[in-house]
Each structure stands twice: as C-alpha cells, then as structure tokens.
Amino acid sequence: MPADLIRIVSGDSPMALAQVERVRAELAALHPGIATTVLPVKTTGDKWMGDLSQVEGKGAFTKEVDAAILAGEADLAVHCVKDVPADRPLPAGTTFAAFLKRDDIRDALVHPDGLTLDRLPAGTRVGTSSVRRIAQLAAAHPHLTCVPIRGNANSRLEKLARGEADALLLAAAGLHRIGRPDAITEIISVDALMPPIGAGTLALQCRQDDTDLIETVSALGDPDTHRETLAERMLLHVLQGHCNSPIAGYARAERSGDLSLRASVFTPDGKVVLNAHEWAGRLDSATLGTSVAVALLRQGARELIDSIPH
C-alpha cells in the first residue's frame, strides 16, 4: 500500500500550479485515501526573462524541480513535456511514471480587436520568444513582426494589455489551464502552425526506486498520450535539438491503433523547411521517432541544427 501523503513539487507560476491541481484532483478521484501537499519552487526559467540559451535552455524550467525530487524534499514532479529537454536523459535516478491524457496541442492567437492570423495587417507586432513560432511565421506571414516576450501566460497577457505587442501567440492548452479561454481570438490549425514536441502533455516524474508511488500514479497515464510522447521525444533526442532549434512535430494515435509522426526542422528565418511524416502501424513508438528523425537527418537536419548558435 503506498504512503498516504504525496509531496508534489512544481514551478510556482499560475500555470504550473493549475497543472498541479489537475493532478491532485485526478489522484483524489483514483485514491481518495491519499493526501497531497504542494512544494512550489521558483525556476530559473521563470525568473530569467532573456534568451533561454543563456541559462541552460529548456532545462531552466526543470532544474530546481529535479533537485527537489533527488534531494528527497518531494516525491512527485509535474512537468509540461514541452519544457523537459529531450537531447539528454532525465536526471539519473528519476523516471516518468505517467503522461496524463493530452490537452489541445495547438497554438492560439490573442488579439485585442479579434483579428485572426490571416487578417493581421503588415507590421503587426506578434509577441513570442519561441524560435519554432518565429520561423513558421517568417515562412508563412513575412509581413508580421515578431517581438520577444517572455514570462508566464498571465504576465504575457498583461504585457499585451500594456501595448508591448499587438498580438500574442500562446498555447491553447495553457490558456485553458489558467482559466483564460476567453482571451483566445483564434485556434491555429497544426497545418498552419505546427506545435512543439510534447505540446499539451503533462508528465509525472518521480524517483526510479519509488515503486509504490510509480504504481499509484501510473494509473493516471493515458496509453495513447504515452505512445505519442515517446515517439516525439525520441525524435528530438535523435535530432539532438537544443532550445534555439526551430523543431516542430506531433504524433497521433488513431482509434485503429495506428501511430503517425509528422515533424519539421526550420532555419530561424523560415527560408528552409525540412519535412518528414511516417506511419508506424502498431510498431514501437521509439522506432517511429527514430525513423522520422533519420529521414530529417538525411535531408540535412544535422547541419541546419548545428549552424544555429546556442
């Protein structure tokens, strides 16, 4: 029987805490006898408003959380998969115990006057610091101007209200998590703006030897999300993409059991785009991720990624 108290560590942003509340609710429904407490930590990624490549890239959002797990100060961590580096393994001694059922993977446009992406006039300042979004906007909407904007979703909405940008691109799932779906002007299709690896997915991480906890929380996992996430993260691992790599992609598990993975690698200016899309049937997710990555490497993805400073 697992312990009757689970200590959950997470970043302290409104988004991160909302994600923890989802986990707590699902745990309470599954195991009503287990109590949970929350240990919020301030992550480097939340404190630093500059280029992430200067502070360990995406690892800036996970370093302090990982440390709390490894030090035994907490039992379970809640992560956005898109913020967990895939070019290197998880910290030794930790593992993913579950991937929760995936939320919307698409990006959302926020515009004060309700304009859609295709109707934004030339020179519109679109607030985003995502190299993935910047490259795709440069390719499809070169008349728009991207302006750097960092911080959690709430603070970005405040910066938009202050006029620091004319529009924002944010994750649709994130706006729903913080209770701000009202801010969404348009949900952008994945064909128009391909999502990041791990979009919309929450992962539960714990110590590898905590078998009771793994058994307790693994039931929260969604099998389709698990297959999709493993394929996407293997793709990113083989590509060795870093935080300045404009890489996008998503896997999709069909009701038939078939699994597909579509991915793209861009130059930062969007002028070169490498694409790959494969179906794996019921084959191993990691095999699919590797195969799609190899298809991109054959097109020159290694040289493209290595040419970008980080």
Protein backbone atom coordinates (compact mmCIF):
# COMPACT_ATOMS: atom_id res chain seq x y z
CA MET A 1 0.00 0.00 0.00
CA PRO A 2 1.50 3.38 -0.96
CA ALA A 3 2.19 6.12 1.57
CA ASP A 4 -0.83 8.24 2.48
CA LEU A 5 0.90 11.54 1.65
CA ILE A 6 2.43 12.56 -1.69
CA ARG A 7 4.56 15.71 -1.80
CA ILE A 8 4.24 17.32 -5.23
CA VAL A 9 6.86 19.78 -6.49
CA SER A 10 6.25 22.22 -9.30
CA GLY A 11 7.13 25.68 -10.54
CA ASP A 12 5.26 28.45 -8.78
CA SER A 13 3.67 30.18 -11.78
CA PRO A 14 -0.14 30.26 -12.01
CA MET A 15 0.10 27.84 -14.96
CA ALA A 16 2.29 25.37 -13.08
CA LEU A 17 0.07 25.45 -10.01
CA ALA A 18 -3.05 24.93 -12.13
CA GLN A 19 -1.40 21.86 -13.62
CA VAL A 20 -0.69 20.53 -10.14
CA GLU A 21 -4.34 21.00 -9.19
CA ARG A 22 -5.36 18.82 -12.11
CA VAL A 23 -3.02 16.09 -10.88
CA ARG A 24 -4.27 16.42 -7.30
CA ALA A 25 -7.89 16.15 -8.45
CA GLU A 26 -7.22 13.06 -10.56
CA LEU A 27 -5.25 11.45 -7.74
CA ALA A 28 -8.03 12.18 -5.24
CA ALA A 29 -10.62 10.60 -7.54
CA LEU A 30 -8.49 7.48 -8.00
CA HIS A 31 -7.09 7.19 -4.46
CA PRO A 32 -9.37 9.07 -2.03
CA GLY A 33 -7.29 7.97 0.95
CA ILE A 34 -4.12 9.68 -0.22
CA ALA A 35 -3.41 13.29 0.74
CA THR A 36 -1.20 15.62 -1.29
CA THR A 37 0.82 18.70 -0.46
CA VAL A 38 2.45 21.13 -2.88
CA LEU A 39 6.01 22.44 -2.82
CA PRO A 40 6.18 25.42 -5.22
CA VAL A 41 9.67 26.40 -6.36
CA LYS A 42 10.84 29.38 -8.38
CA THR A 43 12.53 28.03 -11.50
CA THR A 44 15.37 29.71 -13.35
CA GLY A 45 13.21 29.73 -16.48
CA ASP A 46 10.50 31.73 -14.73
CA LYS A 47 12.99 34.19 -13.21
CA TRP A 48 15.05 34.75 -16.37
CA MET A 49 13.41 36.97 -18.99
CA GLY A 50 16.23 36.78 -21.53
CA ASP A 51 17.32 34.18 -24.09
CA LEU A 52 16.92 30.70 -22.60
CA SER A 53 20.11 29.53 -24.30
CA GLN A 54 21.99 31.64 -21.75
CA VAL A 55 20.54 29.68 -18.80
CA GLU A 56 20.66 26.00 -19.82
CA GLY A 57 17.83 26.22 -22.35
CA LYS A 58 14.66 24.36 -21.50
CA GLY A 59 16.38 22.77 -18.52
CA ALA A 60 15.93 26.15 -16.82
CA PHE A 61 12.29 25.18 -16.21
CA THR A 62 13.13 21.82 -14.62
CA LYS A 63 16.45 22.13 -12.75
CA GLU A 64 15.05 23.24 -9.38
CA VAL A 65 12.16 20.79 -9.61
CA ASP A 66 14.54 17.90 -10.38
CA ALA A 67 16.72 18.90 -7.44
CA ALA A 68 13.79 18.69 -5.00
CA ILE A 69 12.97 15.17 -6.19
CA LEU A 70 16.57 13.97 -6.00
CA ALA A 71 17.09 15.52 -2.55
CA GLY A 72 14.03 13.72 -1.21
CA GLU A 73 12.25 17.01 -0.46
CA ALA A 74 9.38 16.00 -2.74
CA ASP A 75 8.03 12.74 -4.17
CA LEU A 76 6.40 13.72 -7.45
CA ALA A 77 7.04 16.42 -10.04
CA VAL A 78 4.56 17.77 -12.57
CA HIS A 79 6.12 18.93 -15.85
CA CYS A 80 4.94 20.26 -19.19
CA VAL A 81 6.63 17.77 -21.51
CA LYS A 82 7.46 20.54 -23.99
CA ASP A 83 9.67 22.11 -21.29
CA VAL A 84 11.62 18.93 -20.49
CA PRO A 85 14.85 18.64 -22.54
CA ALA A 86 14.95 15.58 -24.77
CA ASP A 87 18.51 15.96 -26.07
CA ARG A 88 19.76 14.47 -22.80
CA PRO A 89 18.36 11.81 -20.44
CA LEU A 90 16.28 12.59 -17.38
CA PRO A 91 18.43 13.12 -14.26
CA ALA A 92 19.87 9.80 -13.12
CA GLY A 93 17.63 8.09 -10.62
CA THR A 94 14.38 9.61 -11.93
CA THR A 95 11.75 8.40 -14.36
CA PHE A 96 8.45 9.38 -15.90
CA ALA A 97 5.70 7.49 -14.08
CA ALA A 98 2.82 8.69 -16.29
CA PHE A 99 1.78 11.00 -19.09
CA LEU A 100 -1.69 12.44 -18.50
CA LYS A 101 -4.31 12.50 -21.23
CA ARG A 102 -3.22 15.08 -23.73
CA ASP A 103 -4.82 18.52 -23.96
CA ASP A 104 -5.09 20.66 -27.10
CA ILE A 105 -1.73 20.74 -28.90
CA ARG A 106 -2.49 23.82 -30.98
CA ASP A 107 -1.36 27.42 -30.65
CA ALA A 108 -3.83 30.24 -30.07
CA LEU A 109 -3.79 33.82 -31.29
CA VAL A 110 -4.75 36.55 -28.85
CA HIS A 111 -5.68 39.86 -30.48
CA PRO A 112 -7.46 42.69 -28.63
CA ASP A 113 -9.65 43.53 -31.63
CA GLY A 114 -10.47 39.94 -32.54
CA LEU A 115 -8.46 39.73 -35.76
CA THR A 116 -7.40 36.29 -36.99
CA LEU A 117 -3.85 35.46 -38.04
CA ASP A 118 -4.55 35.78 -41.76
CA ARG A 119 -6.13 39.22 -41.25
CA LEU A 120 -3.31 40.81 -39.26
CA PRO A 121 -2.02 43.87 -41.17
CA ALA A 122 1.60 44.30 -42.18
CA GLY A 123 3.85 45.37 -39.34
CA THR A 124 1.70 43.83 -36.61
CA ARG A 125 3.92 43.06 -33.61
CA VAL A 126 3.31 39.45 -32.59
CA GLY A 127 4.64 38.70 -29.14
CA THR A 128 6.54 35.41 -28.91
CA SER A 129 10.02 34.23 -27.98
CA SER A 130 9.53 30.77 -29.46
CA VAL A 131 12.01 30.07 -32.26
CA ARG A 132 9.51 27.49 -33.57
CA ARG A 133 6.77 30.09 -33.94
CA ILE A 134 9.12 32.78 -35.26
CA ALA A 135 10.44 30.53 -38.04
CA GLN A 136 6.95 29.45 -39.13
CA LEU A 137 5.58 32.99 -39.07
CA ALA A 138 8.57 34.16 -41.12
CA ALA A 139 7.81 31.48 -43.71
CA ALA A 140 4.05 31.96 -43.96
CA HIS A 141 3.49 35.54 -42.75
CA PRO A 142 6.65 37.53 -43.54
CA HIS A 143 4.73 40.82 -43.27
CA LEU A 144 4.36 40.32 -39.50
CA THR A 145 6.99 41.35 -36.95
CA CYS A 146 7.84 39.08 -34.03
CA VAL A 147 8.78 40.84 -30.79
CA PRO A 148 10.38 38.95 -27.88
CA ILE A 149 8.09 38.42 -24.94
CA ARG A 150 8.80 36.05 -22.04
CA GLY A 151 7.15 35.18 -18.78
CA ASN A 152 4.15 33.07 -17.80
CA ALA A 153 0.93 33.33 -19.77
CA ASN A 154 -0.66 35.71 -17.27
CA SER A 155 2.24 38.14 -17.45
CA ARG A 156 2.27 37.97 -21.25
CA LEU A 157 -1.41 38.90 -21.33
CA GLU A 158 -0.59 41.85 -19.06
CA LYS A 159 2.23 42.92 -21.39
CA LEU A 160 -0.18 42.77 -24.33
CA ALA A 161 -2.61 44.99 -22.42
CA ARG A 162 0.23 47.46 -21.80
CA GLY A 163 0.91 47.66 -25.53
CA GLU A 164 4.23 45.80 -25.59
CA ALA A 165 2.85 43.76 -28.50
CA ASP A 166 -0.17 43.98 -30.79
CA ALA A 167 -1.00 40.27 -30.59
CA LEU A 168 0.24 37.14 -28.84
CA LEU A 169 0.75 33.52 -29.78
CA LEU A 170 0.27 31.21 -26.79
CA ALA A 171 -0.51 27.55 -26.24
CA ALA A 172 -4.26 26.96 -26.34
CA ALA A 173 -3.95 24.38 -23.56
CA GLY A 174 -2.15 26.85 -21.33
CA LEU A 175 -4.84 29.49 -21.67
CA HIS A 176 -7.46 26.91 -20.73
CA ARG A 177 -5.39 25.78 -17.74
CA ILE A 178 -5.21 29.28 -16.28
CA GLY A 179 -8.91 29.86 -16.89
CA ARG A 180 -8.47 32.34 -19.75
CA PRO A 181 -10.04 30.70 -22.82
CA ASP A 182 -11.93 33.98 -23.21
CA ALA A 183 -8.67 35.60 -24.36
CA ILE A 184 -8.43 33.31 -27.41
CA THR A 185 -9.19 35.01 -30.71
CA GLU A 186 -8.35 32.05 -32.94
CA ILE A 187 -7.14 28.48 -32.56
CA ILE A 188 -4.44 27.95 -35.19
CA SER A 189 -4.53 24.63 -37.04
CA VAL A 190 -1.47 22.37 -36.87
CA ASP A 191 -1.18 22.73 -40.64
CA ALA A 192 -0.72 26.50 -40.26
CA LEU A 193 1.48 26.40 -37.17
CA MET A 194 3.00 23.08 -36.18
CA PRO A 195 3.22 22.58 -32.40
CA PRO A 196 6.30 21.91 -30.26
CA ILE A 197 7.35 18.42 -29.25
CA GLY A 198 5.33 17.38 -26.20
CA ALA A 199 2.63 20.01 -26.65
CA GLY A 200 -0.40 19.70 -24.38
CA THR A 201 1.06 16.88 -22.29
CA LEU A 202 1.74 16.79 -18.56
CA ALA A 203 4.28 14.31 -17.24
CA LEU A 204 4.63 12.92 -13.72
CA GLN A 205 8.24 12.36 -12.68
CA CYS A 206 9.49 10.59 -9.56
CA ARG A 207 12.48 8.68 -8.22
CA GLN A 208 13.11 5.47 -10.10
CA ASP A 209 13.23 3.36 -6.93
CA ASP A 210 9.92 4.67 -5.57
CA THR A 211 7.99 1.68 -6.89
CA ASP A 212 4.95 2.21 -4.65
CA LEU A 213 4.48 5.73 -5.94
CA ILE A 214 5.01 4.66 -9.54
CA GLU A 215 2.29 2.05 -9.12
CA THR A 216 -0.02 4.60 -7.51
CA VAL A 217 0.26 7.33 -10.17
CA SER A 218 0.77 5.19 -13.27
CA ALA A 219 -2.99 4.66 -13.44
CA LEU A 220 -3.33 8.37 -14.24
CA GLY A 221 -1.47 7.79 -17.50
CA ASP A 222 -3.16 7.73 -20.89
CA PRO A 223 -1.91 4.96 -23.24
CA ASP A 224 -2.30 6.98 -26.45
CA THR A 225 -0.56 10.01 -24.96
CA HIS A 226 2.23 7.71 -23.77
CA ARG A 227 2.82 6.37 -27.28
CA GLU A 228 2.66 9.81 -28.87
CA THR A 229 5.02 11.37 -26.32
CA LEU A 230 7.63 8.63 -26.57
CA ALA A 231 7.70 8.96 -30.37
CA GLU A 232 8.06 12.74 -30.22
CA ARG A 233 10.75 12.74 -27.55
CA MET A 234 12.76 10.07 -29.36
CA LEU A 235 12.62 12.22 -32.49
CA LEU A 236 14.02 15.18 -30.56
CA HIS A 237 16.62 13.01 -28.84
CA VAL A 238 17.97 11.64 -32.13
CA LEU A 239 17.99 15.10 -33.69
CA GLN A 240 19.77 16.49 -30.59
CA GLY A 241 17.72 19.63 -30.89
CA HIS A 242 18.54 22.47 -28.48
CA CYS A 243 16.43 25.38 -27.20
CA ASN A 244 17.31 27.52 -30.24
CA SER A 245 16.39 24.80 -32.73
CA PRO A 246 13.16 25.55 -34.62
CA ILE A 247 11.84 21.99 -34.47
CA ALA A 248 8.14 21.14 -34.50
CA GLY A 249 6.15 17.95 -34.68
CA TYR A 250 3.39 15.83 -33.31
CA ALA A 251 2.46 12.18 -33.15
CA ARG A 252 -1.12 10.97 -33.40
CA ALA A 253 -2.53 7.66 -32.21
CA GLU A 254 -5.61 6.70 -34.19
CA ARG A 255 -8.52 4.64 -32.89
CA SER A 256 -7.31 1.83 -35.12
CA GLY A 257 -4.09 1.70 -33.09
CA ASP A 258 -2.01 3.16 -35.90
CA LEU A 259 0.54 5.79 -34.90
CA SER A 260 1.88 8.57 -37.11
CA LEU A 261 4.52 11.21 -36.58
CA ARG A 262 4.90 14.43 -38.56
CA ALA A 263 7.89 16.69 -37.95
CA SER A 264 9.69 19.68 -39.40
CA VAL A 265 13.03 21.41 -38.89
CA PHE A 266 13.37 25.06 -39.90
CA THR A 267 16.08 27.64 -40.29
CA PRO A 268 15.39 30.54 -37.89
CA ASP A 269 14.32 32.77 -40.79
CA GLY A 270 11.90 30.13 -42.09
CA LYS A 271 13.50 30.07 -45.53
CA VAL A 272 14.47 26.39 -45.30
CA VAL A 273 11.97 23.80 -44.10
CA LEU A 274 12.68 20.07 -43.85
CA ASN A 275 9.62 17.83 -43.53
CA ALA A 276 9.03 14.17 -42.70
CA HIS A 277 5.88 12.17 -42.00
CA GLU A 278 5.64 8.44 -41.37
CA TRP A 279 3.14 5.88 -40.17
CA ALA A 280 4.21 3.07 -37.88
CA GLY A 281 1.07 1.00 -37.59
CA ARG A 282 1.41 -0.68 -34.22
CA LEU A 283 5.21 -0.56 -34.21
CA ASP A 284 7.21 0.68 -31.26
CA SER A 285 6.92 4.44 -30.63
CA ALA A 286 10.65 4.90 -30.21
CA THR A 287 11.27 3.19 -33.56
CA LEU A 288 8.90 5.63 -35.25
CA GLY A 289 10.59 8.64 -33.63
CA THR A 290 14.00 7.39 -34.71
CA SER A 291 12.83 6.71 -38.26
CA VAL A 292 11.36 10.19 -38.74
CA ALA A 293 14.48 11.79 -37.24
CA VAL A 294 16.69 9.81 -39.63
CA ALA A 295 14.54 10.97 -42.56
CA LEU A 296 15.15 14.57 -41.48
CA LEU A 297 18.87 13.97 -40.93
CA ARG A 298 19.13 12.60 -44.47
CA GLN A 299 17.76 15.94 -45.69
CA GLY A 300 20.42 17.90 -43.81
CA ALA A 301 18.85 18.49 -40.40
CA ARG A 302 22.15 17.92 -38.57
CA GLU A 303 23.93 20.69 -40.44
CA LEU A 304 20.94 23.00 -40.06
CA ILE A 305 20.66 22.46 -36.28
CA ASP A 306 24.41 22.73 -35.70
CA SER A 307 24.57 26.00 -37.63
CA ILE A 308 22.30 27.75 -35.11
CA PRO A 309 24.13 29.31 -32.12
CA HIS A 310 23.08 28.07 -28.69
